[in-house]
mmCIF file of all heavy atoms, coordinates in Angstrom:
data_MODEL
# 
_entry.id   MODEL 
# 
loop_
_atom_site.group_PDB 
_atom_site.id 
_atom_site.type_symbol 
_atom_site.label_atom_id 
_atom_site.label_alt_id 
_atom_site.label_comp_id 
_atom_site.label_asym_id 
_atom_site.label_entity_id 
_atom_site.label_seq_id 
_atom_site.pdbx_PDB_ins_code 
_atom_site.Cartn_x 
_atom_site.Cartn_y 
_atom_site.Cartn_z 
_atom_site.occupancy 
_atom_site.B_iso_or_equiv 
_atom_site.pdbx_formal_charge 
_atom_site.auth_seq_id 
_atom_site.auth_comp_id 
_atom_site.auth_asym_id 
_atom_site.auth_atom_id 
_atom_site.pdbx_PDB_model_num 
ATOM 1   N N   . GLY A 1 1  ? -65.454 -84.457 -37.721 1.00 0.00 ? 1  GLY A N   1 
ATOM 2   C CA  . GLY A 1 1  ? -64.225 -84.908 -37.086 1.00 0.00 ? 1  GLY A CA  1 
ATOM 3   C C   . GLY A 1 1  ? -63.926 -84.043 -35.875 1.00 0.00 ? 1  GLY A C   1 
ATOM 4   O O   . GLY A 1 1  ? -64.682 -83.127 -35.536 1.00 0.00 ? 1  GLY A O   1 
ATOM 5   N N   . SER A 1 2  ? -62.812 -84.313 -35.227 1.00 0.00 ? 2  SER A N   1 
ATOM 6   C CA  . SER A 1 2  ? -62.463 -83.584 -34.005 1.00 0.00 ? 2  SER A CA  1 
ATOM 7   C C   . SER A 1 2  ? -61.443 -82.486 -34.281 1.00 0.00 ? 2  SER A C   1 
ATOM 8   O O   . SER A 1 2  ? -60.413 -82.732 -34.916 1.00 0.00 ? 2  SER A O   1 
ATOM 9   C CB  . SER A 1 2  ? -61.881 -84.558 -32.971 1.00 0.00 ? 2  SER A CB  1 
ATOM 10  O OG  . SER A 1 2  ? -61.395 -83.851 -31.845 1.00 0.00 ? 2  SER A OG  1 
ATOM 11  N N   . VAL A 1 3  ? -61.718 -81.288 -33.761 1.00 0.00 ? 3  VAL A N   1 
ATOM 12  C CA  . VAL A 1 3  ? -60.763 -80.182 -33.914 1.00 0.00 ? 3  VAL A CA  1 
ATOM 13  C C   . VAL A 1 3  ? -59.480 -80.454 -33.144 1.00 0.00 ? 3  VAL A C   1 
ATOM 14  O O   . VAL A 1 3  ? -58.450 -79.814 -33.395 1.00 0.00 ? 3  VAL A O   1 
ATOM 15  C CB  . VAL A 1 3  ? -61.363 -78.830 -33.461 1.00 0.00 ? 3  VAL A CB  1 
ATOM 16  C CG1 . VAL A 1 3  ? -62.561 -78.457 -34.312 1.00 0.00 ? 3  VAL A CG1 1 
ATOM 17  C CG2 . VAL A 1 3  ? -61.718 -78.846 -31.989 1.00 0.00 ? 3  VAL A CG2 1 
ATOM 18  N N   . LYS A 1 4  ? -59.526 -81.399 -32.224 1.00 0.00 ? 4  LYS A N   1 
ATOM 19  C CA  . LYS A 1 4  ? -58.319 -81.698 -31.449 1.00 0.00 ? 4  LYS A CA  1 
ATOM 20  C C   . LYS A 1 4  ? -57.211 -82.288 -32.331 1.00 0.00 ? 4  LYS A C   1 
ATOM 21  O O   . LYS A 1 4  ? -56.036 -82.238 -31.980 1.00 0.00 ? 4  LYS A O   1 
ATOM 22  C CB  . LYS A 1 4  ? -58.656 -82.629 -30.289 1.00 0.00 ? 4  LYS A CB  1 
ATOM 23  C CG  . LYS A 1 4  ? -59.435 -81.928 -29.174 1.00 0.00 ? 4  LYS A CG  1 
ATOM 24  C CD  . LYS A 1 4  ? -59.689 -82.835 -27.998 1.00 0.00 ? 4  LYS A CD  1 
ATOM 25  C CE  . LYS A 1 4  ? -60.207 -82.051 -26.794 1.00 0.00 ? 4  LYS A CE  1 
ATOM 26  N NZ  . LYS A 1 4  ? -61.475 -81.369 -27.025 1.00 0.00 ? 4  LYS A NZ  1 
ATOM 27  N N   . PHE A 1 5  ? -57.594 -82.847 -33.496 1.00 0.00 ? 5  PHE A N   1 
ATOM 28  C CA  . PHE A 1 5  ? -56.579 -83.321 -34.443 1.00 0.00 ? 5  PHE A CA  1 
ATOM 29  C C   . PHE A 1 5  ? -55.825 -82.156 -35.079 1.00 0.00 ? 5  PHE A C   1 
ATOM 30  O O   . PHE A 1 5  ? -54.734 -82.344 -35.620 1.00 0.00 ? 5  PHE A O   1 
ATOM 31  C CB  . PHE A 1 5  ? -57.218 -84.170 -35.550 1.00 0.00 ? 5  PHE A CB  1 
ATOM 32  C CG  . PHE A 1 5  ? -57.534 -85.577 -35.132 1.00 0.00 ? 5  PHE A CG  1 
ATOM 33  C CD1 . PHE A 1 5  ? -58.845 -85.973 -34.914 1.00 0.00 ? 5  PHE A CD1 1 
ATOM 34  C CD2 . PHE A 1 5  ? -56.529 -86.513 -34.980 1.00 0.00 ? 5  PHE A CD2 1 
ATOM 35  C CE1 . PHE A 1 5  ? -59.143 -87.274 -34.542 1.00 0.00 ? 5  PHE A CE1 1 
ATOM 36  C CE2 . PHE A 1 5  ? -56.805 -87.818 -34.605 1.00 0.00 ? 5  PHE A CE2 1 
ATOM 37  C CZ  . PHE A 1 5  ? -58.123 -88.202 -34.387 1.00 0.00 ? 5  PHE A CZ  1 
ATOM 38  N N   . ASP A 1 6  ? -56.399 -80.966 -35.012 1.00 0.00 ? 6  ASP A N   1 
ATOM 39  C CA  . ASP A 1 6  ? -55.778 -79.799 -35.635 1.00 0.00 ? 6  ASP A CA  1 
ATOM 40  C C   . ASP A 1 6  ? -54.845 -79.054 -34.687 1.00 0.00 ? 6  ASP A C   1 
ATOM 41  O O   . ASP A 1 6  ? -54.442 -77.927 -34.963 1.00 0.00 ? 6  ASP A O   1 
ATOM 42  C CB  . ASP A 1 6  ? -56.867 -78.831 -36.134 1.00 0.00 ? 6  ASP A CB  1 
ATOM 43  C CG  . ASP A 1 6  ? -57.676 -79.431 -37.267 1.00 0.00 ? 6  ASP A CG  1 
ATOM 44  O OD1 . ASP A 1 6  ? -57.145 -80.303 -37.973 1.00 0.00 ? 6  ASP A OD1 1 
ATOM 45  O OD2 . ASP A 1 6  ? -58.846 -79.048 -37.433 1.00 0.00 ? 6  ASP A OD2 1 
ATOM 46  N N   . VAL A 1 7  ? -54.500 -79.701 -33.580 1.00 0.00 ? 7  VAL A N   1 
ATOM 47  C CA  . VAL A 1 7  ? -53.620 -79.068 -32.609 1.00 0.00 ? 7  VAL A CA  1 
ATOM 48  C C   . VAL A 1 7  ? -52.294 -78.694 -33.271 1.00 0.00 ? 7  VAL A C   1 
ATOM 49  O O   . VAL A 1 7  ? -51.735 -79.437 -34.068 1.00 0.00 ? 7  VAL A O   1 
ATOM 50  C CB  . VAL A 1 7  ? -53.375 -80.004 -31.403 1.00 0.00 ? 7  VAL A CB  1 
ATOM 51  C CG1 . VAL A 1 7  ? -52.662 -81.285 -31.820 1.00 0.00 ? 7  VAL A CG1 1 
ATOM 52  C CG2 . VAL A 1 7  ? -52.567 -79.294 -30.324 1.00 0.00 ? 7  VAL A CG2 1 
ATOM 53  N N   . SER A 1 8  ? -51.825 -77.510 -32.968 1.00 0.00 ? 8  SER A N   1 
ATOM 54  C CA  . SER A 1 8  ? -50.521 -77.059 -33.467 1.00 0.00 ? 8  SER A CA  1 
ATOM 55  C C   . SER A 1 8  ? -49.926 -76.112 -32.437 1.00 0.00 ? 8  SER A C   1 
ATOM 56  O O   . SER A 1 8  ? -50.650 -75.473 -31.679 1.00 0.00 ? 8  SER A O   1 
ATOM 57  C CB  . SER A 1 8  ? -50.653 -76.356 -34.815 1.00 0.00 ? 8  SER A CB  1 
ATOM 58  O OG  . SER A 1 8  ? -51.441 -75.190 -34.700 1.00 0.00 ? 8  SER A OG  1 
ATOM 59  N N   . GLN A 1 9  ? -48.614 -76.042 -32.413 1.00 0.00 ? 9  GLN A N   1 
ATOM 60  C CA  . GLN A 1 9  ? -47.937 -75.197 -31.446 1.00 0.00 ? 9  GLN A CA  1 
ATOM 61  C C   . GLN A 1 9  ? -46.929 -74.303 -32.166 1.00 0.00 ? 9  GLN A C   1 
ATOM 62  O O   . GLN A 1 9  ? -46.282 -74.736 -33.119 1.00 0.00 ? 9  GLN A O   1 
ATOM 63  C CB  . GLN A 1 9  ? -47.202 -76.047 -30.412 1.00 0.00 ? 9  GLN A CB  1 
ATOM 64  C CG  . GLN A 1 9  ? -48.098 -76.978 -29.608 1.00 0.00 ? 9  GLN A CG  1 
ATOM 65  C CD  . GLN A 1 9  ? -49.054 -76.235 -28.688 1.00 0.00 ? 9  GLN A CD  1 
ATOM 66  O OE1 . GLN A 1 9  ? -48.829 -75.069 -28.355 1.00 0.00 ? 9  GLN A OE1 1 
ATOM 67  N NE2 . GLN A 1 9  ? -50.124 -76.908 -28.276 1.00 0.00 ? 9  GLN A NE2 1 
ATOM 68  N N   . PRO A 1 10 ? -46.790 -73.063 -31.728 1.00 0.00 ? 10 PRO A N   1 
ATOM 69  C CA  . PRO A 1 10 ? -45.796 -72.170 -32.344 1.00 0.00 ? 10 PRO A CA  1 
ATOM 70  C C   . PRO A 1 10 ? -44.383 -72.669 -32.094 1.00 0.00 ? 10 PRO A C   1 
ATOM 71  O O   . PRO A 1 10 ? -44.119 -73.410 -31.138 1.00 0.00 ? 10 PRO A O   1 
ATOM 72  C CB  . PRO A 1 10 ? -46.050 -70.825 -31.656 1.00 0.00 ? 10 PRO A CB  1 
ATOM 73  C CG  . PRO A 1 10 ? -46.747 -71.170 -30.382 1.00 0.00 ? 10 PRO A CG  1 
ATOM 74  C CD  . PRO A 1 10 ? -47.546 -72.400 -30.658 1.00 0.00 ? 10 PRO A CD  1 
ATOM 75  N N   . ALA A 1 11 ? -43.460 -72.248 -32.940 1.00 0.00 ? 11 ALA A N   1 
ATOM 76  C CA  . ALA A 1 11 ? -42.061 -72.692 -32.830 1.00 0.00 ? 11 ALA A CA  1 
ATOM 77  C C   . ALA A 1 11 ? -41.458 -72.340 -31.484 1.00 0.00 ? 11 ALA A C   1 
ATOM 78  O O   . ALA A 1 11 ? -40.583 -73.056 -30.982 1.00 0.00 ? 11 ALA A O   1 
ATOM 79  C CB  . ALA A 1 11 ? -41.246 -72.070 -33.959 1.00 0.00 ? 11 ALA A CB  1 
ATOM 80  N N   . VAL A 1 12 ? -41.937 -71.259 -30.878 1.00 0.00 ? 12 VAL A N   1 
ATOM 81  C CA  . VAL A 1 12 ? -41.370 -70.828 -29.600 1.00 0.00 ? 12 VAL A CA  1 
ATOM 82  C C   . VAL A 1 12 ? -41.561 -71.888 -28.520 1.00 0.00 ? 12 VAL A C   1 
ATOM 83  O O   . VAL A 1 12 ? -40.744 -72.000 -27.595 1.00 0.00 ? 12 VAL A O   1 
ATOM 84  C CB  . VAL A 1 12 ? -41.986 -69.473 -29.164 1.00 0.00 ? 12 VAL A CB  1 
ATOM 85  C CG1 . VAL A 1 12 ? -43.466 -69.637 -28.806 1.00 0.00 ? 12 VAL A CG1 1 
ATOM 86  C CG2 . VAL A 1 12 ? -41.216 -68.887 -27.987 1.00 0.00 ? 12 VAL A CG2 1 
ATOM 87  N N   . VAL A 1 13 ? -42.624 -72.700 -28.636 1.00 0.00 ? 13 VAL A N   1 
ATOM 88  C CA  . VAL A 1 13 ? -42.857 -73.751 -27.642 1.00 0.00 ? 13 VAL A CA  1 
ATOM 89  C C   . VAL A 1 13 ? -41.740 -74.785 -27.686 1.00 0.00 ? 13 VAL A C   1 
ATOM 90  O O   . VAL A 1 13 ? -41.266 -75.254 -26.653 1.00 0.00 ? 13 VAL A O   1 
ATOM 91  C CB  . VAL A 1 13 ? -44.236 -74.417 -27.862 1.00 0.00 ? 13 VAL A CB  1 
ATOM 92  C CG1 . VAL A 1 13 ? -44.418 -75.597 -26.907 1.00 0.00 ? 13 VAL A CG1 1 
ATOM 93  C CG2 . VAL A 1 13 ? -45.353 -73.409 -27.654 1.00 0.00 ? 13 VAL A CG2 1 
ATOM 94  N N   . ARG A 1 14 ? -41.291 -75.121 -28.904 1.00 0.00 ? 14 ARG A N   1 
ATOM 95  C CA  . ARG A 1 14 ? -40.185 -76.070 -29.027 1.00 0.00 ? 14 ARG A CA  1 
ATOM 96  C C   . ARG A 1 14 ? -38.897 -75.481 -28.427 1.00 0.00 ? 14 ARG A C   1 
ATOM 97  O O   . ARG A 1 14 ? -38.123 -76.188 -27.772 1.00 0.00 ? 14 ARG A O   1 
ATOM 98  C CB  . ARG A 1 14 ? -39.972 -76.436 -30.499 1.00 0.00 ? 14 ARG A CB  1 
ATOM 99  C CG  . ARG A 1 14 ? -38.916 -77.521 -30.718 1.00 0.00 ? 14 ARG A CG  1 
ATOM 100 C CD  . ARG A 1 14 ? -38.927 -78.010 -32.145 1.00 0.00 ? 14 ARG A CD  1 
ATOM 101 N NE  . ARG A 1 14 ? -40.158 -78.677 -32.482 1.00 0.00 ? 14 ARG A NE  1 
ATOM 102 C CZ  . ARG A 1 14 ? -40.422 -79.955 -32.166 1.00 0.00 ? 14 ARG A CZ  1 
ATOM 103 N NH1 . ARG A 1 14 ? -39.529 -80.674 -31.501 1.00 0.00 ? 14 ARG A NH1 1 
ATOM 104 N NH2 . ARG A 1 14 ? -41.558 -80.506 -32.525 1.00 0.00 ? 14 ARG A NH2 1 
ATOM 105 N N   . GLU A 1 15 ? -38.683 -74.206 -28.662 1.00 0.00 ? 15 GLU A N   1 
ATOM 106 C CA  . GLU A 1 15 ? -37.505 -73.551 -28.087 1.00 0.00 ? 15 GLU A CA  1 
ATOM 107 C C   . GLU A 1 15 ? -37.573 -73.560 -26.560 1.00 0.00 ? 15 GLU A C   1 
ATOM 108 O O   . GLU A 1 15 ? -36.572 -73.806 -25.878 1.00 0.00 ? 15 GLU A O   1 
ATOM 109 C CB  . GLU A 1 15 ? -37.403 -72.112 -28.602 1.00 0.00 ? 15 GLU A CB  1 
ATOM 110 C CG  . GLU A 1 15 ? -37.158 -72.018 -30.105 1.00 0.00 ? 15 GLU A CG  1 
ATOM 111 C CD  . GLU A 1 15 ? -37.339 -70.605 -30.634 1.00 0.00 ? 15 GLU A CD  1 
ATOM 112 O OE1 . GLU A 1 15 ? -37.503 -69.686 -29.791 1.00 0.00 ? 15 GLU A OE1 1 
ATOM 113 O OE2 . GLU A 1 15 ? -37.328 -70.417 -31.866 1.00 0.00 ? 15 GLU A OE2 1 
ATOM 114 N N   . GLN A 1 16 ? -38.762 -73.306 -26.013 1.00 0.00 ? 16 GLN A N   1 
ATOM 115 C CA  . GLN A 1 16 ? -38.937 -73.343 -24.561 1.00 0.00 ? 16 GLN A CA  1 
ATOM 116 C C   . GLN A 1 16 ? -38.714 -74.749 -24.019 1.00 0.00 ? 16 GLN A C   1 
ATOM 117 O O   . GLN A 1 16 ? -38.154 -74.925 -22.931 1.00 0.00 ? 16 GLN A O   1 
ATOM 118 C CB  . GLN A 1 16 ? -40.342 -72.842 -24.201 1.00 0.00 ? 16 GLN A CB  1 
ATOM 119 C CG  . GLN A 1 16 ? -40.563 -71.368 -24.474 1.00 0.00 ? 16 GLN A CG  1 
ATOM 120 C CD  . GLN A 1 16 ? -42.027 -70.975 -24.361 1.00 0.00 ? 16 GLN A CD  1 
ATOM 121 O OE1 . GLN A 1 16 ? -42.919 -71.820 -24.371 1.00 0.00 ? 16 GLN A OE1 1 
ATOM 122 N NE2 . GLN A 1 16 ? -42.273 -69.666 -24.265 1.00 0.00 ? 16 GLN A NE2 1 
ATOM 123 N N   . ALA A 1 17 ? -39.146 -75.753 -24.792 1.00 0.00 ? 17 ALA A N   1 
ATOM 124 C CA  . ALA A 1 17 ? -38.970 -77.141 -24.378 1.00 0.00 ? 17 ALA A CA  1 
ATOM 125 C C   . ALA A 1 17 ? -37.493 -77.511 -24.305 1.00 0.00 ? 17 ALA A C   1 
ATOM 126 O O   . ALA A 1 17 ? -37.062 -78.231 -23.399 1.00 0.00 ? 17 ALA A O   1 
ATOM 127 C CB  . ALA A 1 17 ? -39.710 -78.074 -25.333 1.00 0.00 ? 17 ALA A CB  1 
ATOM 128 N N   . GLU A 1 18 ? -36.722 -77.025 -25.252 1.00 0.00 ? 18 GLU A N   1 
ATOM 129 C CA  . GLU A 1 18 ? -35.283 -77.300 -25.242 1.00 0.00 ? 18 GLU A CA  1 
ATOM 130 C C   . GLU A 1 18 ? -34.624 -76.693 -24.004 1.00 0.00 ? 18 GLU A C   1 
ATOM 131 O O   . GLU A 1 18 ? -33.761 -77.309 -23.378 1.00 0.00 ? 18 GLU A O   1 
ATOM 132 C CB  . GLU A 1 18 ? -34.644 -76.753 -26.512 1.00 0.00 ? 18 GLU A CB  1 
ATOM 133 C CG  . GLU A 1 18 ? -35.055 -77.526 -27.773 1.00 0.00 ? 18 GLU A CG  1 
ATOM 134 C CD  . GLU A 1 18 ? -34.584 -76.868 -29.045 1.00 0.00 ? 18 GLU A CD  1 
ATOM 135 O OE1 . GLU A 1 18 ? -33.979 -75.781 -28.954 1.00 0.00 ? 18 GLU A OE1 1 
ATOM 136 O OE2 . GLU A 1 18 ? -34.829 -77.429 -30.134 1.00 0.00 ? 18 GLU A OE2 1 
ATOM 137 N N   . ALA A 1 19 ? -35.073 -75.489 -23.640 1.00 0.00 ? 19 ALA A N   1 
ATOM 138 C CA  . ALA A 1 19 ? -34.537 -74.846 -22.438 1.00 0.00 ? 19 ALA A CA  1 
ATOM 139 C C   . ALA A 1 19 ? -34.943 -75.609 -21.186 1.00 0.00 ? 19 ALA A C   1 
ATOM 140 O O   . ALA A 1 19 ? -34.133 -75.792 -20.266 1.00 0.00 ? 19 ALA A O   1 
ATOM 141 C CB  . ALA A 1 19 ? -35.033 -73.403 -22.359 1.00 0.00 ? 19 ALA A CB  1 
ATOM 142 N N   . MET A 1 20 ? -36.177 -76.098 -21.161 1.00 0.00 ? 20 MET A N   1 
ATOM 143 C CA  . MET A 1 20 ? -36.633 -76.842 -19.998 1.00 0.00 ? 20 MET A CA  1 
ATOM 144 C C   . MET A 1 20 ? -35.910 -78.182 -19.887 1.00 0.00 ? 20 MET A C   1 
ATOM 145 O O   . MET A 1 20 ? -35.597 -78.633 -18.781 1.00 0.00 ? 20 MET A O   1 
ATOM 146 C CB  . MET A 1 20 ? -38.141 -77.060 -20.042 1.00 0.00 ? 20 MET A CB  1 
ATOM 147 C CG  . MET A 1 20 ? -38.645 -77.902 -18.873 1.00 0.00 ? 20 MET A CG  1 
ATOM 148 S SD  . MET A 1 20 ? -40.427 -77.942 -18.702 1.00 0.00 ? 20 MET A SD  1 
ATOM 149 C CE  . MET A 1 20 ? -40.695 -76.370 -17.900 1.00 0.00 ? 20 MET A CE  1 
ATOM 150 N N   . ARG A 1 21 ? -35.624 -78.801 -21.018 1.00 0.00 ? 21 ARG A N   1 
ATOM 151 C CA  . ARG A 1 21 ? -34.919 -80.084 -20.975 1.00 0.00 ? 21 ARG A CA  1 
ATOM 152 C C   . ARG A 1 21 ? -33.533 -79.896 -20.336 1.00 0.00 ? 21 ARG A C   1 
ATOM 153 O O   . ARG A 1 21 ? -33.075 -80.748 -19.567 1.00 0.00 ? 21 ARG A O   1 
ATOM 154 C CB  . ARG A 1 21 ? -34.787 -80.656 -22.396 1.00 0.00 ? 21 ARG A CB  1 
ATOM 155 C CG  . ARG A 1 21 ? -34.187 -82.055 -22.432 1.00 0.00 ? 21 ARG A CG  1 
ATOM 156 C CD  . ARG A 1 21 ? -35.176 -83.094 -21.954 1.00 0.00 ? 21 ARG A CD  1 
ATOM 157 N NE  . ARG A 1 21 ? -34.532 -84.355 -21.643 1.00 0.00 ? 21 ARG A NE  1 
ATOM 158 C CZ  . ARG A 1 21 ? -35.084 -85.550 -21.695 1.00 0.00 ? 21 ARG A CZ  1 
ATOM 159 N NH1 . ARG A 1 21 ? -36.338 -85.656 -22.039 1.00 0.00 ? 21 ARG A NH1 1 
ATOM 160 N NH2 . ARG A 1 21 ? -34.436 -86.634 -21.394 1.00 0.00 ? 21 ARG A NH2 1 
ATOM 161 N N   . ARG A 1 22 ? -32.906 -78.790 -20.628 1.00 0.00 ? 22 ARG A N   1 
ATOM 162 C CA  . ARG A 1 22 ? -31.614 -78.504 -19.984 1.00 0.00 ? 22 ARG A CA  1 
ATOM 163 C C   . ARG A 1 22 ? -31.798 -78.293 -18.483 1.00 0.00 ? 22 ARG A C   1 
ATOM 164 O O   . ARG A 1 22 ? -30.937 -78.651 -17.679 1.00 0.00 ? 22 ARG A O   1 
ATOM 165 C CB  . ARG A 1 22 ? -30.965 -77.277 -20.630 1.00 0.00 ? 22 ARG A CB  1 
ATOM 166 C CG  . ARG A 1 22 ? -30.501 -77.511 -22.069 1.00 0.00 ? 22 ARG A CG  1 
ATOM 167 C CD  . ARG A 1 22 ? -29.626 -76.365 -22.545 1.00 0.00 ? 22 ARG A CD  1 
ATOM 168 N NE  . ARG A 1 22 ? -30.346 -75.106 -22.652 1.00 0.00 ? 22 ARG A NE  1 
ATOM 169 C CZ  . ARG A 1 22 ? -31.007 -74.722 -23.744 1.00 0.00 ? 22 ARG A CZ  1 
ATOM 170 N NH1 . ARG A 1 22 ? -31.017 -75.497 -24.825 1.00 0.00 ? 22 ARG A NH1 1 
ATOM 171 N NH2 . ARG A 1 22 ? -31.633 -73.553 -23.768 1.00 0.00 ? 22 ARG A NH2 1 
ATOM 172 N N   . LEU A 1 23 ? -32.952 -77.717 -18.110 1.00 0.00 ? 23 LEU A N   1 
ATOM 173 C CA  . LEU A 1 23 ? -33.241 -77.448 -16.705 1.00 0.00 ? 23 LEU A CA  1 
ATOM 174 C C   . LEU A 1 23 ? -33.421 -78.734 -15.904 1.00 0.00 ? 23 LEU A C   1 
ATOM 175 O O   . LEU A 1 23 ? -32.997 -78.824 -14.754 1.00 0.00 ? 23 LEU A O   1 
ATOM 176 C CB  . LEU A 1 23 ? -34.506 -76.581 -16.603 1.00 0.00 ? 23 LEU A CB  1 
ATOM 177 C CG  . LEU A 1 23 ? -34.791 -75.873 -15.270 1.00 0.00 ? 23 LEU A CG  1 
ATOM 178 C CD1 . LEU A 1 23 ? -33.770 -74.777 -15.025 1.00 0.00 ? 23 LEU A CD1 1 
ATOM 179 C CD2 . LEU A 1 23 ? -36.201 -75.296 -15.297 1.00 0.00 ? 23 LEU A CD2 1 
ATOM 180 N N   . ILE A 1 24 ? -34.041 -79.746 -16.528 1.00 0.00 ? 24 ILE A N   1 
ATOM 181 C CA  . ILE A 1 24 ? -34.322 -80.977 -15.786 1.00 0.00 ? 24 ILE A CA  1 
ATOM 182 C C   . ILE A 1 24 ? -33.247 -82.038 -15.984 1.00 0.00 ? 24 ILE A C   1 
ATOM 183 O O   . ILE A 1 24 ? -33.232 -83.051 -15.278 1.00 0.00 ? 24 ILE A O   1 
ATOM 184 C CB  . ILE A 1 24 ? -35.702 -81.565 -16.175 1.00 0.00 ? 24 ILE A CB  1 
ATOM 185 C CG1 . ILE A 1 24 ? -35.708 -82.025 -17.632 1.00 0.00 ? 24 ILE A CG1 1 
ATOM 186 C CG2 . ILE A 1 24 ? -36.808 -80.569 -15.906 1.00 0.00 ? 24 ILE A CG2 1 
ATOM 187 C CD1 . ILE A 1 24 ? -36.973 -82.757 -18.020 1.00 0.00 ? 24 ILE A CD1 1 
ATOM 188 N N   . GLY A 1 25 ? -32.352 -81.825 -16.965 1.00 0.00 ? 25 GLY A N   1 
ATOM 189 C CA  . GLY A 1 25 ? -31.285 -82.801 -17.195 1.00 0.00 ? 25 GLY A CA  1 
ATOM 190 C C   . GLY A 1 25 ? -31.417 -83.455 -18.555 1.00 0.00 ? 25 GLY A C   1 
ATOM 191 O O   . GLY A 1 25 ? -32.367 -84.201 -18.790 1.00 0.00 ? 25 GLY A O   1 
ATOM 192 N N   . THR A 1 26 ? -30.472 -83.192 -19.440 1.00 0.00 ? 26 THR A N   1 
ATOM 193 C CA  . THR A 1 26 ? -30.601 -83.636 -20.836 1.00 0.00 ? 26 THR A CA  1 
ATOM 194 C C   . THR A 1 26 ? -30.473 -85.142 -21.015 1.00 0.00 ? 26 THR A C   1 
ATOM 195 O O   . THR A 1 26 ? -30.995 -85.703 -21.968 1.00 0.00 ? 26 THR A O   1 
ATOM 196 C CB  . THR A 1 26 ? -29.541 -82.939 -21.714 1.00 0.00 ? 26 THR A CB  1 
ATOM 197 O OG1 . THR A 1 26 ? -28.237 -83.170 -21.146 1.00 0.00 ? 26 THR A OG1 1 
ATOM 198 C CG2 . THR A 1 26 ? -29.790 -81.449 -21.795 1.00 0.00 ? 26 THR A CG2 1 
ATOM 199 N N   . GLY A 1 27 ? -29.783 -85.819 -20.131 1.00 0.00 ? 27 GLY A N   1 
ATOM 200 C CA  . GLY A 1 27 ? -29.540 -87.242 -20.346 1.00 0.00 ? 27 GLY A CA  1 
ATOM 201 C C   . GLY A 1 27 ? -30.498 -88.172 -19.646 1.00 0.00 ? 27 GLY A C   1 
ATOM 202 O O   . GLY A 1 27 ? -30.367 -89.399 -19.742 1.00 0.00 ? 27 GLY A O   1 
ATOM 203 N N   . ARG A 1 28 ? -31.499 -87.634 -18.944 1.00 0.00 ? 28 ARG A N   1 
ATOM 204 C CA  . ARG A 1 28 ? -32.380 -88.484 -18.133 1.00 0.00 ? 28 ARG A CA  1 
ATOM 205 C C   . ARG A 1 28 ? -33.560 -89.020 -18.925 1.00 0.00 ? 28 ARG A C   1 
ATOM 206 O O   . ARG A 1 28 ? -34.138 -88.299 -19.753 1.00 0.00 ? 28 ARG A O   1 
ATOM 207 C CB  . ARG A 1 28 ? -32.924 -87.688 -16.941 1.00 0.00 ? 28 ARG A CB  1 
ATOM 208 C CG  . ARG A 1 28 ? -31.869 -87.103 -16.054 1.00 0.00 ? 28 ARG A CG  1 
ATOM 209 C CD  . ARG A 1 28 ? -32.466 -86.410 -14.861 1.00 0.00 ? 28 ARG A CD  1 
ATOM 210 N NE  . ARG A 1 28 ? -33.052 -87.351 -13.895 1.00 0.00 ? 28 ARG A NE  1 
ATOM 211 C CZ  . ARG A 1 28 ? -33.504 -87.005 -12.687 1.00 0.00 ? 28 ARG A CZ  1 
ATOM 212 N NH1 . ARG A 1 28 ? -33.459 -85.735 -12.313 1.00 0.00 ? 28 ARG A NH1 1 
ATOM 213 N NH2 . ARG A 1 28 ? -34.014 -87.909 -11.869 1.00 0.00 ? 28 ARG A NH2 1 
# 
């Protein structure tokens, strides 16, 4: 099988994403 199915991201990435969403506009 493909190791790409095993992709995972640390929790900090989600926290960074939330900060970036505020940067670009939460309602867009």
